Amino acid sequence: MTEAASRITRDDVSATGGSDAAGLYAWASAAVAEPVADGAARRGPFRPDVWLNARQRHASRLAGHYFRAFDVLAVVAISMLCAWAAAPGPLLHTELSRIAPFAVGAFVVLALMRSLGRYRFSRGQSTTRHLASVAAIVAVGAITALGAGALIGGAQTHSSALLVWAGLTLITLNALHMGWSDLVSRWRASGALTPNIVLVGATRHAEKLIKEALKRRDLNVLGIFDDRLARSPRAIEGVPVLGTADDLLTHKMTPYVDKVVLAIDPKAEARVRELNARLRTLPNEVTLLVEPNGAEETANALDRLAAAPLADVQGVADPDRRAFNKRLQDLIIGLIAMALLAPVMALIALAVRLDSRGPIFFRQRRHGFNQEEIVVWKFRSMRQETADATASRQVTHDDDRVTKVGKFIRKTSLDELPQLLNVITGEMSLVGPRPHAIGMRTGHVESARLVAEYAHRHRIKPGMTGWAAVNGSRGPLHTAQDVRRRVQLDIDYVERQSLWMDLWIMTITIPVLLGDRAAIR
């Protein structure tokens, strides 16, 4: 139902002997120059026991759409079963008047479940009241179905079957929603639905927010960043000051942050504009905290920051619904592609193994959604001893590092097929900005530093193919202009993404790639 959560704990760090996960436990030393004796204090009172990045928490939030999909399947199946049992012959040859009451009842139940918000599972909601409301919805659906049967005629024929339908629907939906409620409760306990924020500005506004958040415990304030470190305290209510606003731009914390909150005086318009301009390069949402007037406004402000119910299934154009549709598309098409291409992938694996010494697969750390570090899988196309995990030297024509088989699979992009595994696990999408290697350089400069909006391409999952790829921007980036063009195409896709655009890109990817003889891949 949800994507597997990678859990980072102190035990993991000690077991790995200081791997990338250890960086999350060294915020203070990485962000603040002065040594700190009390490491526990520097971790702060909100530090989660289990770390879930923004992609993983977002996957949990999308569960409301999965819940509704299961409900729809269950109600439709029960309705068809009862209609078939009540029909004198095969269901396909049964009069519409005999089937209509079941269809009306199912439609009313599912429509009310959605419109009355039965998939939100808000914090503090009583499971008993939730199940009672589901029972009331089924009762309304049954009464409507009986009324439709009476209008159509043959009420006696329909009544017993409709009562059986209502009973089965009530039992099934209540059983499902008891499971949904328990699942959501466990997610809340693990922190999967608790927003993580950082504050910019060690101010009295920040102090007020932290004090209230400590009472409520429905919002994690992970740290504070302030350009005026000389005048800033080392911590506010136990929440550590980790560095300047510029430190936040490259901090290991950012993939785990949902929002960046400017806790500065809104009247300081010049400073607000300047910080907004600097922080807009982050993929994280940036919001301004306006000083609340009284306890009620303070509570309302925190409610807005802490609001993390399951994504609402209502609305036709909201980002969560679009993300759910995209994930469903990735799973269905990705699994079908994996099954159909399995023989091809087996032959490529054999060819790679016979062509040169070394592993079949090449794994590389790249940037994913919200600058999360992910491990991307490819078929190995270079000699093992010349593998370049950081893409410090991009591939050129007649590159002596590329093997014979590697030249073919790179030219045809068959080396990318193992990324279907990344798609199925939810780290990547079929369509999106291509993931770049962490630390990839264009010339002697890190590519991410050449374009201010570079991180905007991380506001959506990276893809196996994308808008930039089918518009000629693929392969190595040799100049700053190449980087700017690709970033612009990627941002264009992020802003326009839709199901139909994704299907179009997938449709033209193969002919575009095979028809491009000049591209170096």
Protein backbone atom coordinates (compact mmCIF):
# COMPACT_ATOMS: atom_id res chain seq x y z
CA MET A 1 0.00 0.00 0.00
CA THR A 2 2.83 2.39 0.77
CA GLU A 3 6.37 2.52 -0.41
CA ALA A 4 8.93 0.90 1.88
CA ALA A 5 10.28 3.38 4.40
CA SER A 6 14.00 3.52 4.92
CA ARG A 7 14.57 3.77 8.67
CA ILE A 8 17.64 5.53 10.01
CA THR A 9 18.43 4.95 13.67
CA ARG A 10 21.50 5.24 15.86
CA ASP A 11 21.98 1.45 15.56
CA ASP A 12 22.10 1.78 11.78
CA VAL A 13 24.84 4.39 12.06
CA SER A 14 26.99 2.37 14.41
CA ALA A 15 26.50 -0.74 12.29
CA THR A 16 27.61 0.98 9.10
CA GLY A 17 30.61 2.58 10.76
CA GLY A 18 29.75 6.09 9.66
CA SER A 19 27.86 5.81 6.37
CA ASP A 20 25.70 8.50 4.77
CA ALA A 21 23.10 7.94 7.47
CA ALA A 22 25.65 9.09 10.01
CA GLY A 23 25.57 12.54 8.46
CA LEU A 24 22.07 13.00 9.82
CA TYR A 25 23.44 12.57 13.31
CA ALA A 26 26.19 15.13 12.81
CA TRP A 27 24.10 18.19 12.04
CA ALA A 28 25.72 20.33 14.68
CA SER A 29 29.30 19.60 13.66
CA ALA A 30 28.46 20.01 9.97
CA ALA A 31 26.54 23.25 10.33
CA VAL A 32 28.11 25.04 13.29
CA ALA A 33 31.82 25.74 13.47
CA GLU A 34 32.16 25.70 17.25
CA PRO A 35 32.43 22.32 19.01
CA VAL A 36 29.46 21.27 21.11
CA ALA A 37 29.93 19.13 24.20
CA ASP A 38 26.35 18.06 24.66
CA GLY A 39 25.50 16.14 21.48
CA ALA A 40 22.10 15.08 22.78
CA ALA A 41 21.09 18.71 23.31
CA ARG A 42 22.14 19.58 19.77
CA ARG A 43 19.80 16.95 18.40
CA GLY A 44 16.85 18.85 19.82
CA PRO A 45 13.56 17.80 21.42
CA PHE A 46 11.79 17.05 18.12
CA ARG A 47 14.38 14.71 16.61
CA PRO A 48 12.45 11.66 15.25
CA ASP A 49 13.41 8.13 16.27
CA VAL A 50 12.66 6.95 12.74
CA TRP A 51 13.62 9.08 9.74
CA LEU A 52 11.24 9.19 6.80
CA ASN A 53 12.09 11.47 3.91
CA ALA A 54 9.53 13.69 2.21
CA ARG A 55 8.87 11.13 -0.55
CA GLN A 56 8.10 8.38 1.94
CA ARG A 57 5.77 10.57 4.02
CA HIS A 58 4.06 11.77 0.85
CA ALA A 59 3.49 8.13 -0.15
CA SER A 60 1.71 7.55 3.16
CA ARG A 61 -0.43 10.63 2.62
CA LEU A 62 -1.58 9.26 -0.73
CA ALA A 63 -2.97 6.17 1.00
CA GLY A 64 -6.44 7.77 1.10
CA HIS A 65 -6.66 7.25 -2.64
CA TYR A 66 -5.69 3.60 -2.27
CA PHE A 67 -8.30 3.17 0.48
CA ARG A 68 -10.99 4.53 -1.79
CA ALA A 69 -9.88 2.30 -4.66
CA PHE A 70 -10.25 -0.78 -2.43
CA ASP A 71 -13.69 0.41 -1.29
CA VAL A 72 -14.82 0.91 -4.88
CA LEU A 73 -13.66 -2.57 -5.86
CA ALA A 74 -15.36 -4.13 -2.83
CA VAL A 75 -18.72 -2.35 -3.29
CA VAL A 76 -18.79 -3.03 -7.04
CA ALA A 77 -17.97 -6.71 -6.48
CA ILE A 78 -20.71 -7.09 -3.82
CA SER A 79 -23.23 -5.29 -6.05
CA MET A 80 -22.47 -7.54 -9.03
CA LEU A 81 -22.61 -10.66 -6.85
CA CYS A 82 -26.01 -9.74 -5.37
CA ALA A 83 -27.40 -8.69 -8.75
CA TRP A 84 -26.25 -12.01 -10.22
CA ALA A 85 -27.85 -13.96 -7.33
CA ALA A 86 -31.16 -12.10 -7.77
CA ALA A 87 -31.20 -12.51 -11.57
CA PRO A 88 -33.17 -15.39 -13.11
CA GLY A 89 -30.44 -16.05 -15.67
CA PRO A 90 -26.98 -14.85 -16.79
CA LEU A 91 -26.22 -11.31 -15.61
CA LEU A 92 -25.43 -10.07 -19.12
CA HIS A 93 -28.91 -11.04 -20.30
CA THR A 94 -30.76 -9.71 -17.26
CA GLU A 95 -33.16 -6.79 -17.60
CA LEU A 96 -31.68 -3.44 -16.65
CA SER A 97 -34.52 -2.85 -14.18
CA ARG A 98 -33.27 -5.76 -12.04
CA ILE A 99 -29.69 -4.46 -11.92
CA ALA A 100 -30.42 -0.71 -11.59
CA PRO A 101 -31.26 -0.68 -7.83
CA PHE A 102 -27.91 -2.27 -6.96
CA ALA A 103 -26.08 0.21 -9.19
CA VAL A 104 -27.96 3.15 -7.62
CA GLY A 105 -27.18 1.91 -4.10
CA ALA A 106 -23.48 1.42 -4.89
CA PHE A 107 -23.24 4.86 -6.50
CA VAL A 108 -24.88 6.60 -3.53
CA VAL A 109 -22.65 4.82 -0.98
CA LEU A 110 -19.41 5.55 -2.83
CA ALA A 111 -20.38 9.15 -3.61
CA LEU A 112 -21.27 9.86 0.03
CA MET A 113 -18.10 8.18 1.31
CA ARG A 114 -16.08 10.55 -0.83
CA SER A 115 -18.08 13.76 -0.40
CA LEU A 116 -18.36 13.37 3.39
CA GLY A 117 -14.60 12.94 3.76
CA ARG A 118 -14.51 9.34 5.00
CA TYR A 119 -10.94 8.96 3.68
CA ARG A 120 -9.36 11.81 5.62
CA PHE A 121 -8.85 10.01 8.97
CA SER A 122 -8.07 13.28 10.74
CA ARG A 123 -5.92 13.38 13.86
CA GLY A 124 -7.94 12.64 17.01
CA GLN A 125 -10.87 11.19 15.06
CA SER A 126 -12.82 8.49 16.95
CA THR A 127 -12.82 5.14 15.15
CA THR A 128 -16.25 4.31 16.62
CA ARG A 129 -17.78 7.52 15.26
CA HIS A 130 -16.10 6.93 11.91
CA LEU A 131 -17.57 3.40 11.63
CA ALA A 132 -20.99 4.70 12.73
CA SER A 133 -20.90 7.28 9.93
CA VAL A 134 -20.00 4.53 7.43
CA ALA A 135 -23.00 2.51 8.67
CA ALA A 136 -25.25 5.55 8.24
CA ILE A 137 -23.99 6.03 4.68
CA VAL A 138 -24.73 2.38 3.84
CA ALA A 139 -28.22 2.78 5.33
CA VAL A 140 -28.88 5.81 3.12
CA GLY A 141 -27.62 3.83 0.11
CA ALA A 142 -29.91 0.90 0.95
CA ILE A 143 -32.96 3.15 1.36
CA THR A 144 -32.19 4.85 -1.94
CA ALA A 145 -31.76 1.47 -3.65
CA LEU A 146 -35.08 0.21 -2.24
CA GLY A 147 -36.77 3.39 -3.42
CA ALA A 148 -35.31 2.94 -6.89
CA GLY A 149 -36.53 -0.68 -6.92
CA ALA A 150 -40.05 0.43 -5.94
CA LEU A 151 -40.12 3.06 -8.68
CA ILE A 152 -38.92 0.61 -11.30
CA GLY A 153 -41.30 -2.10 -10.12
CA GLY A 154 -40.90 -5.47 -8.49
CA ALA A 155 -40.13 -4.17 -5.01
CA GLN A 156 -40.78 -7.59 -3.46
CA THR A 157 -38.26 -9.18 -5.80
CA HIS A 158 -35.61 -6.59 -4.98
CA SER A 159 -36.11 -6.08 -1.25
CA SER A 160 -34.60 -9.29 0.08
CA ALA A 161 -31.60 -9.13 -2.29
CA LEU A 162 -31.05 -5.45 -1.47
CA LEU A 163 -31.11 -6.15 2.26
CA VAL A 164 -28.47 -8.84 1.74
CA TRP A 165 -26.49 -6.32 -0.35
CA ALA A 166 -26.71 -3.71 2.42
CA GLY A 167 -25.58 -6.21 5.07
CA LEU A 168 -22.58 -7.40 3.04
CA THR A 169 -21.62 -3.84 2.13
CA LEU A 170 -21.84 -2.71 5.77
CA ILE A 171 -19.72 -5.62 7.06
CA THR A 172 -17.11 -5.24 4.31
CA LEU A 173 -16.74 -1.46 4.52
CA ASN A 174 -16.56 -1.45 8.31
CA ALA A 175 -13.93 -4.20 8.26
CA LEU A 176 -11.90 -2.29 5.67
CA HIS A 177 -12.17 1.01 7.54
CA MET A 178 -11.18 -0.57 10.84
CA GLY A 179 -8.03 -1.69 9.03
CA TRP A 180 -7.52 1.76 7.46
CA SER A 181 -7.91 3.47 10.87
CA ASP A 182 -5.42 1.12 12.52
CA LEU A 183 -2.93 1.64 9.70
CA VAL A 184 -3.20 5.44 9.89
CA SER A 185 -2.77 5.32 13.69
CA ARG A 186 0.45 3.35 13.30
CA TRP A 187 1.71 5.81 10.68
CA ARG A 188 1.05 8.70 13.02
CA ALA A 189 2.89 6.92 15.84
CA SER A 190 5.91 6.32 13.57
CA GLY A 191 5.96 9.94 12.40
CA ALA A 192 5.02 9.14 8.79
CA LEU A 193 2.26 11.77 8.94
CA THR A 194 4.03 14.28 11.19
CA PRO A 195 5.35 17.26 9.20
CA ASN A 196 9.01 18.24 9.62
CA ILE A 197 9.88 21.93 9.40
CA VAL A 198 12.94 24.12 9.88
CA LEU A 199 12.84 27.76 10.91
CA VAL A 200 14.85 30.56 9.34
CA GLY A 201 15.34 33.22 11.98
CA ALA A 202 16.24 32.79 15.66
CA THR A 203 13.54 35.27 16.72
CA ARG A 204 10.82 35.66 19.30
CA HIS A 205 8.39 34.42 16.63
CA ALA A 206 10.39 31.21 16.45
CA GLU A 207 10.42 30.91 20.25
CA LYS A 208 6.63 31.23 20.46
CA LEU A 209 6.09 28.63 17.76
CA ILE A 210 8.50 26.14 19.34
CA LYS A 211 6.95 26.50 22.82
CA GLU A 212 3.49 25.79 21.44
CA ALA A 213 4.75 22.93 19.25
CA LEU A 214 6.32 21.32 22.33
CA LYS A 215 2.90 21.26 23.98
CA ARG A 216 1.06 19.87 20.94
CA ARG A 217 3.63 17.41 19.57
CA ASP A 218 2.01 17.27 16.12
CA LEU A 219 4.84 19.13 14.38
CA ASN A 220 8.60 18.50 14.34
CA VAL A 221 10.83 21.61 14.41
CA LEU A 222 14.14 20.04 13.39
CA GLY A 223 16.41 23.08 13.54
CA ILE A 224 16.90 26.81 13.13
CA PHE A 225 19.02 28.71 10.62
CA ASP A 226 19.96 32.35 11.08
CA ASP A 227 22.36 34.63 9.20
CA ARG A 228 23.11 36.54 12.39
CA LEU A 229 24.94 33.72 14.16
CA ALA A 230 27.04 36.11 16.25
CA ARG A 231 23.88 37.36 17.98
CA SER A 232 21.93 34.08 17.89
CA PRO A 233 21.68 31.67 20.83
CA ARG A 234 23.01 28.15 20.35
CA ALA A 235 19.47 26.81 20.83
CA ILE A 236 15.90 28.03 21.39
CA GLU A 237 13.85 25.87 23.76
CA GLY A 238 16.27 23.05 22.99
CA VAL A 239 15.97 23.35 19.18
CA PRO A 240 19.54 23.88 17.87
CA VAL A 241 20.68 26.76 15.68
CA LEU A 242 22.47 24.86 12.91
CA GLY A 243 23.93 27.58 10.72
CA THR A 244 23.06 30.30 8.23
CA ALA A 245 20.44 30.34 5.47
CA ASP A 246 23.22 29.41 3.02
CA ASP A 247 24.05 26.35 5.14
CA LEU A 248 20.45 25.20 4.70
CA LEU A 249 20.87 25.11 0.91
CA THR A 250 23.37 22.23 1.11
CA HIS A 251 22.36 20.61 4.40
CA LYS A 252 21.81 16.84 4.66
CA MET A 253 18.54 17.60 6.41
CA THR A 254 16.65 19.03 3.41
CA PRO A 255 15.30 15.72 2.01
CA TYR A 256 13.56 15.19 5.36
CA VAL A 257 11.99 18.66 5.54
CA ASP A 258 8.43 19.38 4.41
CA LYS A 259 8.45 23.15 4.86
CA VAL A 260 10.92 25.95 5.45
CA VAL A 261 9.28 28.58 7.67
CA LEU A 262 10.56 32.17 7.72
CA ALA A 263 10.15 33.15 11.38
CA ILE A 264 11.06 36.79 10.86
CA ASP A 265 9.10 40.01 11.12
CA PRO A 266 6.96 40.34 7.96
CA LYS A 267 7.44 44.12 8.19
CA ALA A 268 11.10 43.63 7.31
CA GLU A 269 10.10 43.37 3.67
CA ALA A 270 13.59 43.72 2.22
CA ARG A 271 14.91 40.83 4.34
CA VAL A 272 11.89 38.68 3.52
CA ARG A 273 12.41 39.25 -0.21
CA GLU A 274 16.14 38.59 0.04
CA LEU A 275 15.66 35.30 1.96
CA ASN A 276 12.91 34.20 -0.41
CA ALA A 277 15.21 34.80 -3.37
CA ARG A 278 17.99 32.73 -1.78
CA LEU A 279 15.79 29.89 -0.57
CA ARG A 280 13.76 29.53 -3.77
CA THR A 281 16.54 27.34 -5.13
CA LEU A 282 15.40 24.67 -2.64
CA PRO A 283 12.78 22.11 -3.70
CA ASN A 284 11.12 22.54 -0.27
CA GLU A 285 8.09 24.77 0.20
CA VAL A 286 8.94 28.12 1.82
CA THR A 287 6.29 29.89 3.89
CA LEU A 288 6.24 33.06 5.99
CA LEU A 289 5.11 32.89 9.62
CA VAL A 290 2.99 35.96 10.37
CA GLU A 291 3.05 36.82 14.08
CA PRO A 292 -0.21 35.52 15.60
CA ASN A 293 -2.29 37.82 17.77
CA GLY A 294 -3.28 35.77 20.82
CA ALA A 295 -3.54 32.08 21.67
CA GLU A 296 -6.30 31.34 19.17
CA GLU A 297 -4.36 32.69 16.18
CA THR A 298 -1.24 30.88 17.40
CA ALA A 299 -3.17 27.60 17.48
CA ASN A 300 -4.60 28.27 14.01
CA ALA A 301 -1.13 29.00 12.60
CA LEU A 302 0.22 25.74 14.02
CA ASP A 303 -2.85 23.86 12.77
CA ARG A 304 -2.00 24.99 9.24
CA LEU A 305 1.65 23.97 9.60
CA ALA A 306 0.84 20.65 11.28
CA ALA A 307 -2.05 19.76 9.00
CA ALA A 308 -1.07 16.39 7.62
CA PRO A 309 -4.25 14.39 7.08
CA LEU A 310 -4.30 11.85 4.32
CA ALA A 311 -4.46 13.49 0.92
CA ASP A 312 -8.04 14.50 0.22
CA VAL A 313 -9.60 12.36 -2.51
CA GLN A 314 -11.83 15.25 -3.54
CA GLY A 315 -10.89 17.75 -6.23
CA VAL A 316 -9.85 17.09 -9.79
CA ALA A 317 -6.63 19.09 -10.05
CA ASP A 318 -4.99 18.98 -6.62
CA PRO A 319 -1.30 17.92 -6.51
CA ASP A 320 -1.97 14.89 -4.28
CA ARG A 321 -4.53 13.47 -6.68
CA ARG A 322 -2.13 14.05 -9.57
CA ALA A 323 0.67 12.31 -7.63
CA PHE A 324 -1.62 9.35 -6.89
CA ASN A 325 -2.56 8.98 -10.56
CA LYS A 326 1.11 9.17 -11.54
CA ARG A 327 2.07 6.51 -8.98
CA LEU A 328 -0.73 4.22 -10.18
CA GLN A 329 0.45 4.72 -13.76
CA ASP A 330 4.03 3.88 -12.77
CA LEU A 331 3.02 0.67 -10.98
CA ILE A 332 0.74 -0.67 -13.73
CA ILE A 333 2.94 0.18 -16.72
CA GLY A 334 6.17 -0.53 -14.82
CA LEU A 335 5.11 -4.05 -13.78
CA ILE A 336 3.87 -4.85 -17.30
CA ALA A 337 7.12 -3.54 -18.81
CA MET A 338 9.19 -5.54 -16.32
CA ALA A 339 7.38 -8.75 -17.27
CA LEU A 340 7.59 -8.15 -21.04
CA LEU A 341 11.23 -7.02 -21.00
CA ALA A 342 12.52 -9.72 -18.63
CA PRO A 343 13.90 -11.89 -21.52
CA VAL A 344 15.66 -8.85 -23.05
CA MET A 345 17.16 -7.90 -19.69
CA ALA A 346 18.38 -11.47 -19.16
CA LEU A 347 20.16 -11.43 -22.55
CA ILE A 348 21.78 -8.04 -21.80
CA ALA A 349 22.93 -9.30 -18.40
CA LEU A 350 24.54 -12.34 -20.07
CA ALA A 351 26.24 -10.15 -22.70
CA VAL A 352 27.64 -7.78 -20.05
CA ARG A 353 28.97 -10.72 -18.04
CA LEU A 354 30.70 -12.30 -21.08
CA ASP A 355 32.07 -9.00 -22.44
CA SER A 356 34.23 -7.91 -19.50
CA ARG A 357 35.12 -8.72 -15.92
CA GLY A 358 33.01 -7.16 -13.20
CA PRO A 359 29.43 -6.99 -11.93
CA ILE A 360 26.44 -6.97 -14.27
CA PHE A 361 24.91 -3.90 -12.68
CA PHE A 362 26.31 -0.44 -12.03
CA ARG A 363 24.86 1.44 -9.08
CA GLN A 364 25.19 5.17 -8.67
CA ARG A 365 23.97 7.62 -6.02
CA ARG A 366 21.82 10.31 -7.61
CA HIS A 367 19.41 13.02 -6.54
CA GLY A 368 15.75 12.01 -6.28
CA PHE A 369 12.58 13.73 -5.11
CA ASN A 370 13.23 16.69 -2.77
CA GLN A 371 17.01 16.13 -3.18
CA GLU A 372 16.78 12.69 -1.54
CA GLU A 373 19.81 10.53 -2.30
CA ILE A 374 18.75 7.38 -4.15
CA VAL A 375 20.72 4.49 -5.64
CA VAL A 376 19.98 4.18 -9.36
CA TRP A 377 20.50 0.84 -11.14
CA LYS A 378 21.94 0.45 -14.64
CA PHE A 379 23.58 -2.29 -16.67
CA ARG A 380 27.34 -1.78 -16.42
CA SER A 381 28.62 -0.21 -19.64
CA MET A 382 32.18 0.66 -18.58
CA ARG A 383 35.16 -1.37 -17.51
CA GLN A 384 34.96 -2.01 -13.80
CA GLU A 385 38.24 -0.27 -12.97
CA THR A 386 37.14 2.95 -14.75
CA ALA A 387 33.62 3.21 -13.27
CA ASP A 388 32.83 6.83 -12.32
CA ALA A 389 30.26 6.93 -9.52
CA THR A 390 30.22 10.75 -9.28
CA ALA A 391 30.20 11.52 -13.03
CA SER A 392 33.21 13.76 -12.51
CA ARG A 393 34.16 12.98 -16.12
CA GLN A 394 31.21 12.80 -18.49
CA VAL A 395 31.14 10.35 -21.38
CA THR A 396 32.46 11.48 -24.78
CA HIS A 397 32.64 10.00 -28.29
CA ASP A 398 35.02 7.01 -28.45
CA ASP A 399 35.40 7.03 -24.66
CA ASP A 400 37.99 4.37 -23.85
CA ARG A 401 36.19 3.46 -20.61
CA VAL A 402 33.13 2.07 -22.42
CA THR A 403 33.06 -1.64 -23.31
CA LYS A 404 31.90 -3.09 -26.65
CA VAL A 405 28.55 -4.18 -25.25
CA GLY A 406 28.42 -0.90 -23.33
CA LYS A 407 28.55 1.15 -26.53
CA PHE A 408 25.51 -0.67 -27.89
CA ILE A 409 23.38 -0.56 -24.75
CA ARG A 410 24.24 3.10 -24.13
CA LYS A 411 23.42 4.04 -27.73
CA THR A 412 20.02 2.32 -27.48
CA SER A 413 19.49 3.33 -23.80
CA LEU A 414 19.03 -0.34 -22.91
CA ASP A 415 21.46 0.20 -20.02
CA GLU A 416 18.66 2.14 -18.27
CA LEU A 417 16.19 -0.80 -18.11
CA PRO A 418 17.11 -1.88 -14.55
CA GLN A 419 15.70 1.46 -13.40
CA LEU A 420 12.29 -0.20 -13.67
CA LEU A 421 13.20 -1.51 -10.20
CA ASN A 422 13.56 2.08 -8.99
CA VAL A 423 10.18 2.89 -10.53
CA ILE A 424 8.39 -0.04 -8.89
CA THR A 425 9.89 0.75 -5.47
CA GLY A 426 8.76 4.37 -5.81
CA GLU A 427 12.15 6.11 -5.91
CA MET A 428 11.70 7.05 -9.57
CA SER A 429 8.89 7.50 -12.07
CA LEU A 430 8.60 6.35 -15.67
CA VAL A 431 8.55 10.01 -16.75
CA GLY A 432 10.32 12.89 -15.05
CA PRO A 433 13.58 14.85 -15.01
CA ARG A 434 16.52 12.49 -15.49
CA PRO A 435 18.35 11.90 -12.18
CA HIS A 436 21.83 13.40 -12.16
CA ALA A 437 24.74 11.92 -10.25
CA ILE A 438 25.49 13.66 -6.96
CA GLY A 439 28.44 15.98 -7.56
CA MET A 440 28.17 15.73 -11.37
CA ARG A 441 30.41 18.31 -13.00
CA THR A 442 30.13 20.36 -16.15
CA GLY A 443 33.71 21.21 -16.97
CA HIS A 444 35.34 21.91 -13.62
CA VAL A 445 32.18 23.25 -11.93
CA GLU A 446 29.47 21.24 -10.18
CA SER A 447 26.43 21.38 -12.48
CA ALA A 448 24.02 22.30 -9.66
CA ARG A 449 25.89 25.56 -9.10
CA LEU A 450 25.47 26.79 -12.67
CA VAL A 451 21.72 27.43 -12.54
CA ALA A 452 19.91 29.01 -9.57
CA GLU A 453 16.71 27.03 -10.24
CA TYR A 454 18.54 23.69 -10.55
CA ALA A 455 16.88 22.20 -7.42
CA HIS A 456 13.39 22.95 -8.81
CA ARG A 457 13.75 19.86 -10.99
CA HIS A 458 13.67 17.83 -7.75
CA ARG A 459 10.10 18.87 -6.96
CA ILE A 460 8.94 15.73 -8.72
CA LYS A 461 10.38 12.23 -8.87
CA PRO A 462 13.13 11.66 -11.46
CA GLY A 463 12.17 9.58 -14.48
CA MET A 464 13.53 6.95 -16.86
CA THR A 465 12.60 9.30 -19.68
CA GLY A 466 11.38 12.87 -19.68
CA TRP A 467 10.44 16.04 -21.48
CA ALA A 468 14.08 17.12 -21.77
CA ALA A 469 15.12 13.71 -23.13
CA VAL A 470 12.57 13.74 -25.98
CA ASN A 471 13.48 17.35 -26.78
CA GLY A 472 17.12 16.59 -27.47
CA SER A 473 18.62 17.38 -24.03
CA ARG A 474 20.12 14.08 -22.94
CA GLY A 475 23.54 12.68 -22.35
CA PRO A 476 26.46 14.74 -21.01
CA LEU A 477 26.24 18.46 -20.23
CA HIS A 478 29.41 20.15 -21.50
CA THR A 479 28.56 23.82 -20.98
CA ALA A 480 26.58 26.03 -18.61
CA GLN A 481 24.16 26.67 -21.49
CA ASP A 482 23.49 22.92 -21.75
CA VAL A 483 22.64 22.82 -18.04
CA ARG A 484 20.34 25.85 -18.30
CA ARG A 485 18.43 24.38 -21.24
CA ARG A 486 17.88 21.04 -19.51
CA VAL A 487 16.80 22.67 -16.26
CA GLN A 488 14.34 24.88 -18.14
CA LEU A 489 12.83 21.87 -19.92
CA ASP A 490 12.62 19.98 -16.62
CA ILE A 491 10.87 22.87 -14.86
CA ASP A 492 8.51 23.17 -17.82
CA TYR A 493 7.59 19.50 -17.33
CA VAL A 494 7.15 19.86 -13.54
CA GLU A 495 4.67 22.71 -14.09
CA ARG A 496 2.73 20.98 -16.91
CA GLN A 497 2.81 17.32 -15.85
CA SER A 498 -0.34 15.30 -16.55
CA LEU A 499 -1.32 11.72 -17.35
CA TRP A 500 -1.69 12.48 -21.06
CA MET A 501 1.63 14.31 -21.24
CA ASP A 502 3.34 11.31 -19.61
CA LEU A 503 1.74 8.87 -22.05
CA TRP A 504 2.79 11.06 -25.00
CA ILE A 505 6.40 11.23 -23.76
CA MET A 506 6.52 7.44 -23.26
CA THR A 507 5.05 6.90 -26.74
CA ILE A 508 7.66 9.01 -28.55
CA THR A 509 10.67 8.08 -26.40
CA ILE A 510 11.78 5.01 -28.38
CA PRO A 511 11.52 6.56 -31.89
CA VAL A 512 13.19 9.77 -30.67
CA LEU A 513 16.10 7.93 -29.03
CA LEU A 514 16.66 5.52 -31.91
CA GLY A 515 16.37 8.31 -34.45
CA ASP A 516 19.02 10.47 -32.77
CA ARG A 517 22.41 9.37 -34.08
CA ALA A 518 24.30 12.37 -32.74
CA ALA A 519 23.54 12.09 -29.03
CA ILE A 520 26.25 10.74 -26.75
CA ARG A 521 24.79 8.47 -24.10
